[in-house]
Amino acid sequence: MYKTNVDFSGLRILVVENHELMGRLLGEMLRGFGVRHVRYAH
């Protein structure tokens, strides 16, 4: 689908979600993609 390959393990992502459960779910999905650097704010 995409010609450019993205290294998810090197990405730094900020998740801003006020519901703790949804924030954790998003974090687990990101870790499943290989993202190692996830920060959270509520």
Full PDB file with SEQRES, HELIX, SHEET, SSBOND, CRYST1, ORIGX, SCALE, CONECT and MASTER records, all heavy atoms in Angstrom:
SEQRES   1 A   42  MET TYR LYS THR ASN VAL ASP PHE SER GLY LEU ARG ILE          
SEQRES   2 A   42  LEU VAL VAL GLU ASN HIS GLU LEU MET GLY ARG LEU LEU          
SEQRES   3 A   42  GLY GLU MET LEU ARG GLY PHE GLY VAL ARG HIS VAL ARG          
SEQRES   4 A   42  TYR ALA HIS                                                  
HELIX    1 AA1 PHE A    8  GLY A   10  5                                   3    
HELIX    2 AA2 GLU A   20  PHE A   33  1                                  14    
SHEET    1 AA1 2 ARG A  12  VAL A  16  0                                        
SHEET    2 AA1 2 HIS A  37  ALA A  41  1                                        
CRYST1    1.000    1.000    1.000  90.00  90.00  90.00 P 1           1          
ORIGX1      1.000000  0.000000  0.000000        0.00000                         
ORIGX2      0.000000  1.000000  0.000000        0.00000                         
ORIGX3      0.000000  0.000000  1.000000        0.00000                         
SCALE1      1.000000  0.000000  0.000000        0.00000                         
SCALE2      0.000000  1.000000  0.000000        0.00000                         
SCALE3      0.000000  0.000000  1.000000        0.00000                         
ATOM      1  N   MET A   1       0.814  -1.191   0.000  1.00  0.00           N  
ATOM      2  CA  MET A   1       0.000   0.000   0.000  1.00  0.00           C  
ATOM      3  C   MET A   1       0.862   1.262   0.000  1.00  0.00           C  
ATOM      4  O   MET A   1       0.584   2.199  -0.711  1.00  0.00           O  
ATOM      5  CB  MET A   1      -0.923  -0.037   1.206  1.00  0.00           C  
ATOM      6  CG  MET A   1      -1.857   1.122   1.284  1.00  0.00           C  
ATOM      7  SD  MET A   1      -3.051   0.840   2.608  1.00  0.00           S  
ATOM      8  CE  MET A   1      -3.957   2.327   2.458  1.00  0.00           C  
ATOM      9  N   TYR A   2       1.917   1.295   0.836  1.00  0.00           N  
ATOM     10  CA  TYR A   2       2.797   2.442   0.888  1.00  0.00           C  
ATOM     11  C   TYR A   2       4.171   2.034   0.382  1.00  0.00           C  
ATOM     12  O   TYR A   2       4.655   0.956   0.664  1.00  0.00           O  
ATOM     13  CB  TYR A   2       2.939   2.970   2.325  1.00  0.00           C  
ATOM     14  CG  TYR A   2       1.644   3.439   2.912  1.00  0.00           C  
ATOM     15  CD1 TYR A   2       0.936   2.658   3.810  1.00  0.00           C  
ATOM     16  CD2 TYR A   2       1.122   4.663   2.545  1.00  0.00           C  
ATOM     17  CE1 TYR A   2      -0.258   3.099   4.348  1.00  0.00           C  
ATOM     18  CE2 TYR A   2      -0.073   5.114   3.076  1.00  0.00           C  
ATOM     19  CZ  TYR A   2      -0.758   4.322   3.968  1.00  0.00           C  
ATOM     20  OH  TYR A   2      -1.934   4.753   4.490  1.00  0.00           O  
ATOM     21  N   LYS A   3       4.800   2.940  -0.349  1.00  0.00           N  
ATOM     22  CA  LYS A   3       6.140   2.669  -0.840  1.00  0.00           C  
ATOM     23  C   LYS A   3       7.175   2.926   0.248  1.00  0.00           C  
ATOM     24  O   LYS A   3       8.197   2.285   0.306  1.00  0.00           O  
ATOM     25  CB  LYS A   3       6.433   3.538  -2.062  1.00  0.00           C  
ATOM     26  CG  LYS A   3       5.588   3.174  -3.251  1.00  0.00           C  
ATOM     27  CD  LYS A   3       5.886   4.072  -4.417  1.00  0.00           C  
ATOM     28  CE  LYS A   3       4.975   3.717  -5.575  1.00  0.00           C  
ATOM     29  NZ  LYS A   3       5.158   4.596  -6.694  1.00  0.00           N  
ATOM     30  N   THR A   4       6.903   3.885   1.127  1.00  0.00           N  
ATOM     31  CA  THR A   4       7.830   4.247   2.184  1.00  0.00           C  
ATOM     32  C   THR A   4       7.604   3.352   3.390  1.00  0.00           C  
ATOM     33  O   THR A   4       6.488   3.197   3.858  1.00  0.00           O  
ATOM     34  CB  THR A   4       7.628   5.722   2.595  1.00  0.00           C  
ATOM     35  OG1 THR A   4       7.714   6.527   1.430  1.00  0.00           O  
ATOM     36  CG2 THR A   4       8.667   6.146   3.589  1.00  0.00           C  
ATOM     37  N   ASN A   5       8.678   2.769   3.899  1.00  0.00           N  
ATOM     38  CA  ASN A   5       8.584   1.923   5.082  1.00  0.00           C  
ATOM     39  C   ASN A   5       8.812   2.793   6.317  1.00  0.00           C  
ATOM     40  O   ASN A   5       9.706   3.625   6.338  1.00  0.00           O  
ATOM     41  CB  ASN A   5       9.631   0.808   5.003  1.00  0.00           C  
ATOM     42  CG  ASN A   5       9.297  -0.337   5.913  1.00  0.00           C  
ATOM     43  OD1 ASN A   5       8.227  -0.389   6.501  1.00  0.00           O  
ATOM     44  ND2 ASN A   5      10.223  -1.257   6.037  1.00  0.00           N  
ATOM     45  N   VAL A   6       7.996   2.609   7.332  1.00  0.00           N  
ATOM     46  CA  VAL A   6       8.107   3.391   8.564  1.00  0.00           C  
ATOM     47  C   VAL A   6       8.588   2.471   9.672  1.00  0.00           C  
ATOM     48  O   VAL A   6       8.019   1.403   9.894  1.00  0.00           O  
ATOM     49  CB  VAL A   6       6.747   4.021   8.951  1.00  0.00           C  
ATOM     50  CG1 VAL A   6       6.836   4.701  10.301  1.00  0.00           C  
ATOM     51  CG2 VAL A   6       6.294   4.999   7.883  1.00  0.00           C  
ATOM     52  N   ASP A   7       9.649   2.899  10.373  1.00  0.00           N  
ATOM     53  CA  ASP A   7      10.161   2.139  11.511  1.00  0.00           C  
ATOM     54  C   ASP A   7       9.396   2.582  12.753  1.00  0.00           C  
ATOM     55  O   ASP A   7       9.711   3.606  13.362  1.00  0.00           O  
ATOM     56  CB  ASP A   7      11.659   2.391  11.670  1.00  0.00           C  
ATOM     57  CG  ASP A   7      12.240   1.677  12.875  1.00  0.00           C  
ATOM     58  OD1 ASP A   7      11.579   0.758  13.421  1.00  0.00           O  
ATOM     59  OD2 ASP A   7      13.363   2.043  13.280  1.00  0.00           O  
ATOM     60  N   PHE A   8       8.373   1.816  13.112  1.00  0.00           N  
ATOM     61  CA  PHE A   8       7.546   2.171  14.260  1.00  0.00           C  
ATOM     62  C   PHE A   8       8.323   2.117  15.568  1.00  0.00           C  
ATOM     63  O   PHE A   8       7.964   2.810  16.520  1.00  0.00           O  
ATOM     64  CB  PHE A   8       6.319   1.256  14.332  1.00  0.00           C  
ATOM     65  CG  PHE A   8       5.172   1.717  13.461  1.00  0.00           C  
ATOM     66  CD1 PHE A   8       5.188   1.511  12.101  1.00  0.00           C  
ATOM     67  CD2 PHE A   8       4.095   2.371  14.018  1.00  0.00           C  
ATOM     68  CE1 PHE A   8       4.149   1.932  11.304  1.00  0.00           C  
ATOM     69  CE2 PHE A   8       3.038   2.806  13.239  1.00  0.00           C  
ATOM     70  CZ  PHE A   8       3.067   2.588  11.870  1.00  0.00           C  
ATOM     71  N   SER A   9       9.384   1.325  15.628  1.00  0.00           N  
ATOM     72  CA  SER A   9      10.123   1.192  16.890  1.00  0.00           C  
ATOM     73  C   SER A   9      10.825   2.491  17.281  1.00  0.00           C  
ATOM     74  O   SER A   9      11.099   2.720  18.453  1.00  0.00           O  
ATOM     75  CB  SER A   9      11.137   0.054  16.803  1.00  0.00           C  
ATOM     76  OG  SER A   9      12.158   0.370  15.876  1.00  0.00           O  
ATOM     77  N   GLY A  10      11.094   3.347  16.334  1.00  0.00           N  
ATOM     78  CA  GLY A  10      11.777   4.604  16.624  1.00  0.00           C  
ATOM     79  C   GLY A  10      10.839   5.785  16.848  1.00  0.00           C  
ATOM     80  O   GLY A  10      11.299   6.878  17.156  1.00  0.00           O  
ATOM     81  N   LEU A  11       9.543   5.568  16.696  1.00  0.00           N  
ATOM     82  CA  LEU A  11       8.597   6.675  16.841  1.00  0.00           C  
ATOM     83  C   LEU A  11       8.375   7.051  18.304  1.00  0.00           C  
ATOM     84  O   LEU A  11       8.364   6.203  19.180  1.00  0.00           O  
ATOM     85  CB  LEU A  11       7.245   6.305  16.222  1.00  0.00           C  
ATOM     86  CG  LEU A  11       7.207   6.095  14.715  1.00  0.00           C  
ATOM     87  CD1 LEU A  11       5.792   5.756  14.266  1.00  0.00           C  
ATOM     88  CD2 LEU A  11       7.728   7.315  13.966  1.00  0.00           C  
ATOM     89  N   ARG A  12       8.184   8.343  18.523  1.00  0.00           N  
ATOM     90  CA  ARG A  12       7.828   8.872  19.843  1.00  0.00           C  
ATOM     91  C   ARG A  12       6.426   9.456  19.696  1.00  0.00           C  
ATOM     92  O   ARG A  12       6.236  10.401  18.938  1.00  0.00           O  
ATOM     93  CB  ARG A  12       8.821   9.938  20.281  1.00  0.00           C  
ATOM     94  CG  ARG A  12      10.245   9.399  20.426  1.00  0.00           C  
ATOM     95  CD  ARG A  12      11.222  10.484  20.846  1.00  0.00           C  
ATOM     96  NE  ARG A  12      10.835  11.178  22.055  1.00  0.00           N  
ATOM     97  CZ  ARG A  12      11.070  10.733  23.301  1.00  0.00           C  
ATOM     98  NH1 ARG A  12      11.708   9.604  23.471  1.00  0.00           N  
ATOM     99  NH2 ARG A  12      10.697  11.435  24.350  1.00  0.00           N  
ATOM    100  N   ILE A  13       5.465   8.884  20.416  1.00  0.00           N  
ATOM    101  CA  ILE A  13       4.065   9.272  20.265  1.00  0.00           C  
ATOM    102  C   ILE A  13       3.487   9.721  21.602  1.00  0.00           C  
ATOM    103  O   ILE A  13       3.684   9.061  22.622  1.00  0.00           O  
ATOM    104  CB  ILE A  13       3.240   8.115  19.665  1.00  0.00           C  
ATOM    105  CG1 ILE A  13       3.767   7.788  18.267  1.00  0.00           C  
ATOM    106  CG2 ILE A  13       1.753   8.466  19.624  1.00  0.00           C  
ATOM    107  CD1 ILE A  13       3.042   6.679  17.544  1.00  0.00           C  
ATOM    108  N   LEU A  14       2.758  10.828  21.560  1.00  0.00           N  
ATOM    109  CA  LEU A  14       2.043  11.335  22.722  1.00  0.00           C  
ATOM    110  C   LEU A  14       0.569  10.982  22.561  1.00  0.00           C  
ATOM    111  O   LEU A  14      -0.045  11.311  21.548  1.00  0.00           O  
ATOM    112  CB  LEU A  14       2.206  12.855  22.834  1.00  0.00           C  
ATOM    113  CG  LEU A  14       1.395  13.546  23.934  1.00  0.00           C  
ATOM    114  CD1 LEU A  14       1.793  13.050  25.317  1.00  0.00           C  
ATOM    115  CD2 LEU A  14       1.551  15.066  23.826  1.00  0.00           C  
ATOM    116  N   VAL A  15       0.007  10.295  23.547  1.00  0.00           N  
ATOM    117  CA  VAL A  15      -1.412   9.942  23.561  1.00  0.00           C  
ATOM    118  C   VAL A  15      -2.101  10.854  24.573  1.00  0.00           C  
ATOM    119  O   VAL A  15      -1.773  10.827  25.759  1.00  0.00           O  
ATOM    120  CB  VAL A  15      -1.623   8.455  23.945  1.00  0.00           C  
ATOM    121  CG1 VAL A  15      -3.104   8.143  24.084  1.00  0.00           C  
ATOM    122  CG2 VAL A  15      -0.965   7.541  22.923  1.00  0.00           C  
ATOM    123  N   VAL A  16      -3.056  11.654  24.095  1.00  0.00           N  
ATOM    124  CA  VAL A  16      -3.793  12.568  24.959  1.00  0.00           C  
ATOM    125  C   VAL A  16      -5.240  12.075  24.995  1.00  0.00           C  
ATOM    126  O   VAL A  16      -6.006  12.269  24.060  1.00  0.00           O  
ATOM    127  CB  VAL A  16      -3.734  14.020  24.437  1.00  0.00           C  
ATOM    128  CG1 VAL A  16      -4.390  14.962  25.438  1.00  0.00           C  
ATOM    129  CG2 VAL A  16      -2.297  14.438  24.149  1.00  0.00           C  
ATOM    130  N   GLU A  17      -5.582  11.396  26.078  1.00  0.00           N  
ATOM    131  CA  GLU A  17      -6.896  10.739  26.221  1.00  0.00           C  
ATOM    132  C   GLU A  17      -7.319  10.825  27.673  1.00  0.00           C  
ATOM    133  O   GLU A  17      -6.565  10.424  28.557  1.00  0.00           O  
ATOM    134  CB  GLU A  17      -6.792   9.286  25.767  1.00  0.00           C  
ATOM    135  CG  GLU A  17      -7.967   8.417  26.060  1.00  0.00           C  
ATOM    136  CD  GLU A  17      -9.256   8.854  25.387  1.00  0.00           C  
ATOM    137  OE1 GLU A  17      -9.292   8.901  24.150  1.00  0.00           O  
ATOM    138  OE2 GLU A  17     -10.213   9.147  26.119  1.00  0.00           O  
ATOM    139  N   ASN A  18      -8.527  11.346  27.935  1.00  0.00           N  
ATOM    140  CA  ASN A  18      -8.955  11.523  29.317  1.00  0.00           C  
ATOM    141  C   ASN A  18      -9.521  10.252  29.949  1.00  0.00           C  
ATOM    142  O   ASN A  18      -9.622  10.172  31.162  1.00  0.00           O  
ATOM    143  CB  ASN A  18      -9.951  12.683  29.450  1.00  0.00           C  
ATOM    144  CG  ASN A  18     -11.242  12.429  28.706  1.00  0.00           C  
ATOM    145  OD1 ASN A  18     -11.297  11.606  27.813  1.00  0.00           O  
ATOM    146  ND2 ASN A  18     -12.263  13.165  29.059  1.00  0.00           N  
ATOM    147  N   HIS A  19      -9.875   9.261  29.169  1.00  0.00           N  
ATOM    148  CA  HIS A  19     -10.340   7.984  29.714  1.00  0.00           C  
ATOM    149  C   HIS A  19      -9.144   7.039  29.830  1.00  0.00           C  
ATOM    150  O   HIS A  19      -8.537   6.676  28.813  1.00  0.00           O  
ATOM    151  CB  HIS A  19     -11.427   7.366  28.837  1.00  0.00           C  
ATOM    152  CG  HIS A  19     -12.702   8.127  28.893  1.00  0.00           C  
ATOM    153  ND1 HIS A  19     -12.987   9.137  28.007  1.00  0.00           N  
ATOM    154  CD2 HIS A  19     -13.751   8.046  29.743  1.00  0.00           C  
ATOM    155  CE1 HIS A  19     -14.163   9.635  28.293  1.00  0.00           C  
ATOM    156  NE2 HIS A  19     -14.650   8.995  29.352  1.00  0.00           N  
ATOM    157  N   GLU A  20      -8.822   6.656  31.040  1.00  0.00           N  
ATOM    158  CA  GLU A  20      -7.622   5.841  31.284  1.00  0.00           C  
ATOM    159  C   GLU A  20      -7.634   4.530  30.504  1.00  0.00           C  
ATOM    160  O   GLU A  20      -6.627   4.135  29.925  1.00  0.00           O  
ATOM    161  CB  GLU A  20      -7.483   5.555  32.779  1.00  0.00           C  
ATOM    162  CG  GLU A  20      -6.170   4.867  33.112  1.00  0.00           C  
ATOM    163  CD  GLU A  20      -6.004   4.641  34.599  1.00  0.00           C  
ATOM    164  OE1 GLU A  20      -6.626   5.353  35.398  1.00  0.00           O  
ATOM    165  OE2 GLU A  20      -5.224   3.741  34.943  1.00  0.00           O  
ATOM    166  N   LEU A  21      -8.778   3.855  30.457  1.00  0.00           N  
ATOM    167  CA  LEU A  21      -8.863   2.580  29.753  1.00  0.00           C  
ATOM    168  C   LEU A  21      -8.587   2.753  28.257  1.00  0.00           C  
ATOM    169  O   LEU A  21      -7.839   1.978  27.664  1.00  0.00           O  
ATOM    170  CB  LEU A  21     -10.233   1.936  29.966  1.00  0.00           C  
ATOM    171  CG  LEU A  21     -10.444   0.573  29.317  1.00  0.00           C  
ATOM    172  CD1 LEU A  21      -9.445  -0.437  29.846  1.00  0.00           C  
ATOM    173  CD2 LEU A  21     -11.861   0.083  29.552  1.00  0.00           C  
ATOM    174  N   MET A  22      -9.159   3.784  27.651  1.00  0.00           N  
ATOM    175  CA  MET A  22      -8.924   4.035  26.220  1.00  0.00           C  
ATOM    176  C   MET A  22      -7.461   4.398  25.982  1.00  0.00           C  
ATOM    177  O   MET A  22      -6.863   3.983  24.995  1.00  0.00           O  
ATOM    178  CB  MET A  22      -9.850   5.144  25.723  1.00  0.00           C  
ATOM    179  CG  MET A  22      -9.772   5.383  24.245  1.00  0.00           C  
ATOM    180  SD  MET A  22     -10.351   3.933  23.353  1.00  0.00           S  
ATOM    181  CE  MET A  22      -9.873   4.366  21.707  1.00  0.00           C  
ATOM    182  N   GLY A  23      -6.876   5.165  26.877  1.00  0.00           N  
ATOM    183  CA  GLY A  23      -5.460   5.514  26.752  1.00  0.00           C  
ATOM    184  C   GLY A  23      -4.573   4.283  26.793  1.00  0.00           C  
ATOM    185  O   GLY A  23      -3.646   4.133  25.997  1.00  0.00           O  
ATOM    186  N   ARG A  24      -4.881   3.355  27.730  1.00  0.00           N  
ATOM    187  CA  ARG A  24      -4.101   2.112  27.814  1.00  0.00           C  
ATOM    188  C   ARG A  24      -4.294   1.257  26.567  1.00  0.00           C  
ATOM    189  O   ARG A  24      -3.344   0.648  26.077  1.00  0.00           O  
ATOM    190  CB  ARG A  24      -4.478   1.322  29.056  1.00  0.00           C  
ATOM    191  CG  ARG A  24      -3.809   1.874  30.307  1.00  0.00           C  
ATOM    192  CD  ARG A  24      -3.965   0.939  31.472  1.00  0.00           C  
ATOM    193  NE  ARG A  24      -5.382   0.992  31.883  1.00  0.00           N  
ATOM    194  CZ  ARG A  24      -5.962   0.122  32.668  1.00  0.00           C  
ATOM    195  NH1 ARG A  24      -5.296  -0.895  33.144  1.00  0.00           N  
ATOM    196  NH2 ARG A  24      -7.232   0.258  33.005  1.00  0.00           N  
ATOM    197  N   LEU A  25      -5.531   1.210  26.047  1.00  0.00           N  
ATOM    198  CA  LEU A  25      -5.806   0.441  24.837  1.00  0.00           C  
ATOM    199  C   LEU A  25      -5.016   0.983  23.650  1.00  0.00           C  
ATOM    200  O   LEU A  25      -4.404   0.217  22.897  1.00  0.00           O  
ATOM    201  CB  LEU A  25      -7.309   0.468  24.526  1.00  0.00           C  
ATOM    202  CG  LEU A  25      -7.753  -0.263  23.269  1.00  0.00           C  
ATOM    203  CD1 LEU A  25      -7.459  -1.746  23.382  1.00  0.00           C  
ATOM    204  CD2 LEU A  25      -9.232  -0.022  23.017  1.00  0.00           C  
ATOM    205  N   LEU A  26      -4.997   2.297  23.499  1.00  0.00           N  
ATOM    206  CA  LEU A  26      -4.209   2.910  22.425  1.00  0.00           C  
ATOM    207  C   LEU A  26      -2.719   2.599  22.601  1.00  0.00           C  
ATOM    208  O   LEU A  26      -2.015   2.285  21.635  1.00  0.00           O  
ATOM    209  CB  LEU A  26      -4.431   4.422  22.389  1.00  0.00           C  
ATOM    210  CG  LEU A  26      -5.792   4.886  21.876  1.00  0.00           C  
ATOM    211  CD1 LEU A  26      -6.013   6.357  22.210  1.00  0.00           C  
ATOM    212  CD2 LEU A  26      -5.918   4.637  20.389  1.00  0.00           C  
ATOM    213  N   GLY A  27      -2.245   2.678  23.838  1.00  0.00           N  
ATOM    214  CA  GLY A  27      -0.844   2.364  24.114  1.00  0.00           C  
ATOM    215  C   GLY A  27      -0.504   0.922  23.764  1.00  0.00           C  
ATOM    216  O   GLY A  27       0.558   0.646  23.199  1.00  0.00           O  
ATOM    217  N   GLU A  28      -1.402  -0.009  24.089  1.00  0.00           N  
ATOM    218  CA  GLU A  28      -1.163  -1.425  23.755  1.00  0.00           C  
ATOM    219  C   GLU A  28      -1.145  -1.638  22.240  1.00  0.00           C  
ATOM    220  O   GLU A  28      -0.344  -2.414  21.719  1.00  0.00           O  
ATOM    221  CB  GLU A  28      -2.215  -2.321  24.408  1.00  0.00           C  
ATOM    222  CG  GLU A  28      -2.050  -2.442  25.916  1.00  0.00           C  
ATOM    223  CD  GLU A  28      -0.684  -2.976  26.319  1.00  0.00           C  
ATOM    224  OE1 GLU A  28      -0.199  -3.950  25.711  1.00  0.00           O  
ATOM    225  OE2 GLU A  28      -0.085  -2.400  27.248  1.00  0.00           O  
ATOM    226  N   MET A  29      -2.032  -0.957  21.531  1.00  0.00           N  
ATOM    227  CA  MET A  29      -2.018  -1.058  20.061  1.00  0.00           C  
ATOM    228  C   MET A  29      -0.702  -0.540  19.513  1.00  0.00           C  
ATOM    229  O   MET A  29      -0.093  -1.172  18.653  1.00  0.00           O  
ATOM    230  CB  MET A  29      -3.181  -0.263  19.458  1.00  0.00           C  
ATOM    231  CG  MET A  29      -4.523  -0.911  19.566  1.00  0.00           C  
ATOM    232  SD  MET A  29      -5.705   0.040  18.566  1.00  0.00           S  
ATOM    233  CE  MET A  29      -7.117   0.047  19.634  1.00  0.00           C  
ATOM    234  N   LEU A  30      -0.254   0.609  20.019  1.00  0.00           N  
ATOM    235  CA  LEU A  30       1.000   1.190  19.553  1.00  0.00           C  
ATOM    236  C   LEU A  30       2.174   0.265  19.842  1.00  0.00           C  
ATOM    237  O   LEU A  30       3.053   0.068  18.996  1.00  0.00           O  
ATOM    238  CB  LEU A  30       1.226   2.560  20.192  1.00  0.00           C  
ATOM    239  CG  LEU A  30       0.242   3.651  19.758  1.00  0.00           C  
ATOM    240  CD1 LEU A  30       0.395   4.892  20.644  1.00  0.00           C  
ATOM    241  CD2 LEU A  30       0.421   4.000  18.296  1.00  0.00           C  
ATOM    242  N   ARG A  31       2.194  -0.328  21.020  1.00  0.00           N  
ATOM    243  CA  ARG A  31       3.268  -1.279  21.341  1.00  0.00           C  
ATOM    244  C   ARG A  31       3.196  -2.498  20.420  1.00  0.00           C  
ATOM    245  O   ARG A  31       4.218  -3.044  20.035  1.00  0.00           O  
ATOM    246  CB  ARG A  31       3.200  -1.681  22.808  1.00  0.00           C  
ATOM    247  CG  ARG A  31       3.863  -0.650  23.717  1.00  0.00           C  
ATOM    248  CD  ARG A  31       3.988  -1.131  25.146  1.00  0.00           C  
ATOM    249  NE  ARG A  31       2.830  -0.836  25.975  1.00  0.00           N  
ATOM    250  CZ  ARG A  31       2.451   0.369  26.341  1.00  0.00           C  
ATOM    251  NH1 ARG A  31       3.125   1.418  25.936  1.00  0.00           N  
ATOM    252  NH2 ARG A  31       1.404   0.558  27.118  1.00  0.00           N  
ATOM    253  N   GLY A  32       1.987  -2.897  20.069  1.00  0.00           N  
ATOM    254  CA  GLY A  32       1.822  -4.002  19.122  1.00  0.00           C  
ATOM    255  C   GLY A  32       2.396  -3.679  17.748  1.00  0.00           C  
ATOM    256  O   GLY A  32       2.831  -4.572  17.021  1.00  0.00           O  
ATOM    257  N   PHE A  33       2.397  -2.396  17.387  1.00  0.00           N  
ATOM    258  CA  PHE A  33       2.997  -1.974  16.107  1.00  0.00           C  
ATOM    259  C   PHE A  33       4.510  -1.856  16.208  1.00  0.00           C  
ATOM    260  O   PHE A  33       5.188  -1.643  15.213  1.00  0.00           O  
ATOM    261  CB  PHE A  33       2.462  -0.611  15.653  1.00  0.00           C  
ATOM    262  CG  PHE A  33       0.973  -0.481  15.587  1.00  0.00           C  
ATOM    263  CD1 PHE A  33       0.376   0.754  15.744  1.00  0.00           C  
ATOM    264  CD2 PHE A  33       0.151  -1.581  15.367  1.00  0.00           C  
ATOM    265  CE1 PHE A  33      -0.996   0.903  15.687  1.00  0.00           C  
ATOM    266  CE2 PHE A  33      -1.225  -1.443  15.311  1.00  0.00           C  
ATOM    267  CZ  PHE A  33      -1.797  -0.199  15.471  1.00  0.00           C  
ATOM    268  N   GLY A  34       5.044  -1.932  17.435  1.00  0.00           N  
ATOM    269  CA  GLY A  34       6.486  -1.816  17.644  1.00  0.00           C  
ATOM    270  C   GLY A  34       6.915  -0.511  18.270  1.00  0.00           C  
ATOM    271  O   GLY A  34       8.107  -0.303  18.518  1.00  0.00           O  
ATOM    272  N   VAL A  35       5.996   0.407  18.543  1.00  0.00           N  
ATOM    273  CA  VAL A  35       6.350   1.702  19.139  1.00  0.00           C  
ATOM    274  C   VAL A  35       6.840   1.465  20.564  1.00  0.00           C  
ATOM    275  O   VAL A  35       6.179   0.804  21.357  1.00  0.00           O  
ATOM    276  CB  VAL A  35       5.133   2.666  19.145  1.00  0.00           C  
ATOM    277  CG1 VAL A  35       5.508   3.991  19.807  1.00  0.00           C  
ATOM    278  CG2 VAL A  35       4.629   2.903  17.733  1.00  0.00           C  
ATOM    279  N   ARG A  36       8.026   1.999  20.870  1.00  0.00           N  
ATOM    280  CA  ARG A  36       8.605   1.805  22.202  1.00  0.00           C  
ATOM    281  C   ARG A  36       8.493   3.035  23.093  1.00  0.00           C  
ATOM    282  O   ARG A  36       8.642   2.941  24.294  1.00  0.00           O  
ATOM    283  CB  ARG A  36      10.067   1.404  22.074  1.00  0.00           C  
ATOM    284  CG  ARG A  36      10.230   0.019  21.447  1.00  0.00           C  
ATOM    285  CD  ARG A  36      11.657  -0.386  21.415  1.00  0.00           C  
ATOM    286  NE  ARG A  36      12.405   0.560  20.572  1.00  0.00           N  
ATOM    287  CZ  ARG A  36      13.609   0.358  20.102  1.00  0.00           C  
ATOM    288  NH1 ARG A  36      14.252  -0.746  20.416  1.00  0.00           N  
ATOM    289  NH2 ARG A  36      14.205   1.235  19.346  1.00  0.00           N  
ATOM    290  N   HIS A  37       8.248   4.203  22.483  1.00  0.00           N  
ATOM    291  CA  HIS A  37       8.218   5.454  23.247  1.00  0.00           C  
ATOM    292  C   HIS A  37       6.815   6.069  23.182  1.00  0.00           C  
ATOM    293  O   HIS A  37       6.490   6.763  22.219  1.00  0.00           O  
ATOM    294  CB  HIS A  37       9.241   6.454  22.701  1.00  0.00           C  
ATOM    295  CG  HIS A  37      10.629   5.898  22.629  1.00  0.00           C  
ATOM    296  ND1 HIS A  37      11.409   5.720  23.752  1.00  0.00           N  
ATOM    297  CD2 HIS A  37      11.361   5.463  21.586  1.00  0.00           C  
ATOM    298  CE1 HIS A  37      12.567   5.203  23.392  1.00  0.00           C  
ATOM    299  NE2 HIS A  37      12.567   5.029  22.083  1.00  0.00           N  
ATOM    300  N   VAL A  38       6.017   5.794  24.206  1.00  0.00           N  
ATOM    301  CA  VAL A  38       4.658   6.341  24.287  1.00  0.00           C  
ATOM    302  C   VAL A  38       4.547   7.133  25.584  1.00  0.00           C  
ATOM    303  O   VAL A  38       4.890   6.632  26.646  1.00  0.00           O  
ATOM    304  CB  VAL A  38       3.586   5.217  24.260  1.00  0.00           C  
ATOM    305  CG1 VAL A  38       2.187   5.818  24.347  1.00  0.00           C  
ATOM    306  CG2 VAL A  38       3.725   4.357  23.012  1.00  0.00           C  
ATOM    307  N   ARG A  39       4.095   8.361  25.483  1.00  0.00           N  
ATOM    308  CA  ARG A  39       3.817   9.200  26.654  1.00  0.00           C  
ATOM    309  C   ARG A  39       2.320   9.430  26.714  1.00  0.00           C  
ATOM    310  O   ARG A  39       1.649   9.442  25.685  1.00  0.00           O  
ATOM    311  CB  ARG A  39       4.517  10.560  26.540  1.00  0.00           C  
ATOM    312  CG  ARG A  39       6.014  10.498  26.532  1.00  0.00           C  
ATOM    313  CD  ARG A  39       6.519  10.410  27.963  1.00  0.00           C  
ATOM    314  NE  ARG A  39       7.950  10.308  27.971  1.00  0.00           N  
ATOM    315  CZ  ARG A  39       8.747  11.190  28.518  1.00  0.00           C  
ATOM    316  NH1 ARG A  39       8.253  12.244  29.121  1.00  0.00           N  
ATOM    317  NH2 ARG A  39      10.044  11.019  28.485  1.00  0.00           N  
ATOM    318  N   TYR A  40       1.803   9.652  27.930  1.00  0.00           N  
ATOM    319  CA  TYR A  40       0.371   9.827  28.122  1.00  0.00           C  
ATOM    320  C   TYR A  40       0.075  11.137  28.828  1.00  0.00           C  
ATOM    321  O   TYR A  40       0.830  11.558  29.705  1.00  0.00           O  
ATOM    322  CB  TYR A  40      -0.202   8.695  28.987  1.00  0.00           C  
ATOM    323  CG  TYR A  40      -0.023   7.326  28.393  1.00  0.00           C  
ATOM    324  CD1 TYR A  40       1.079   6.548  28.725  1.00  0.00           C  
ATOM    325  CD2 TYR A  40      -0.956   6.815  27.501  1.00  0.00           C  
ATOM    326  CE1 TYR A  40       1.258   5.285  28.180  1.00  0.00           C  
ATOM    327  CE2 TYR A  40      -0.790   5.541  26.954  1.00  0.00           C  
ATOM    328  CZ  TYR A  40       0.317   4.794  27.295  1.00  0.00           C  
ATOM    329  OH  TYR A  40       0.488   3.549  26.748  1.00  0.00           O  
ATOM    330  N   ALA A  41      -1.041  11.744  28.431  1.00  0.00           N  
ATOM    331  CA  ALA A  41      -1.586  12.902  29.140  1.00  0.00           C  
ATOM    332  C   ALA A  41      -3.091  12.720  29.178  1.00  0.00           C  
ATOM    333  O   ALA A  41      -3.685  12.158  28.259  1.00  0.00           O  
ATOM    334  CB  ALA A  41      -1.218  14.194  28.416  1.00  0.00           C  
ATOM    335  N   HIS A  42      -3.714  13.185  30.284  1.00  0.00           N  
ATOM    336  CA  HIS A  42      -5.155  13.009  30.453  1.00  0.00           C  
ATOM    337  C   HIS A  42      -5.942  14.289  30.231  1.00  0.00           C  
ATOM    338  O   HIS A  42      -7.169  14.268  30.220  1.00  0.00           O  
ATOM    339  CB  HIS A  42      -5.453  12.460  31.854  1.00  0.00           C  
ATOM    340  CG  HIS A  42      -4.779  11.145  32.097  1.00  0.00           C  
ATOM    341  ND1 HIS A  42      -5.156   9.999  31.450  1.00  0.00           N  
ATOM    342  CD2 HIS A  42      -3.735  10.797  32.886  1.00  0.00           C  
ATOM    343  CE1 HIS A  42      -4.389   9.004  31.839  1.00  0.00           C  
ATOM    344  NE2 HIS A  42      -3.509   9.467  32.708  1.00  0.00           N  
TER     345      HIS A  42                                                      
MASTER        0    0    0    2    2    0    0    6  344    1    0    4          
END                                                                             
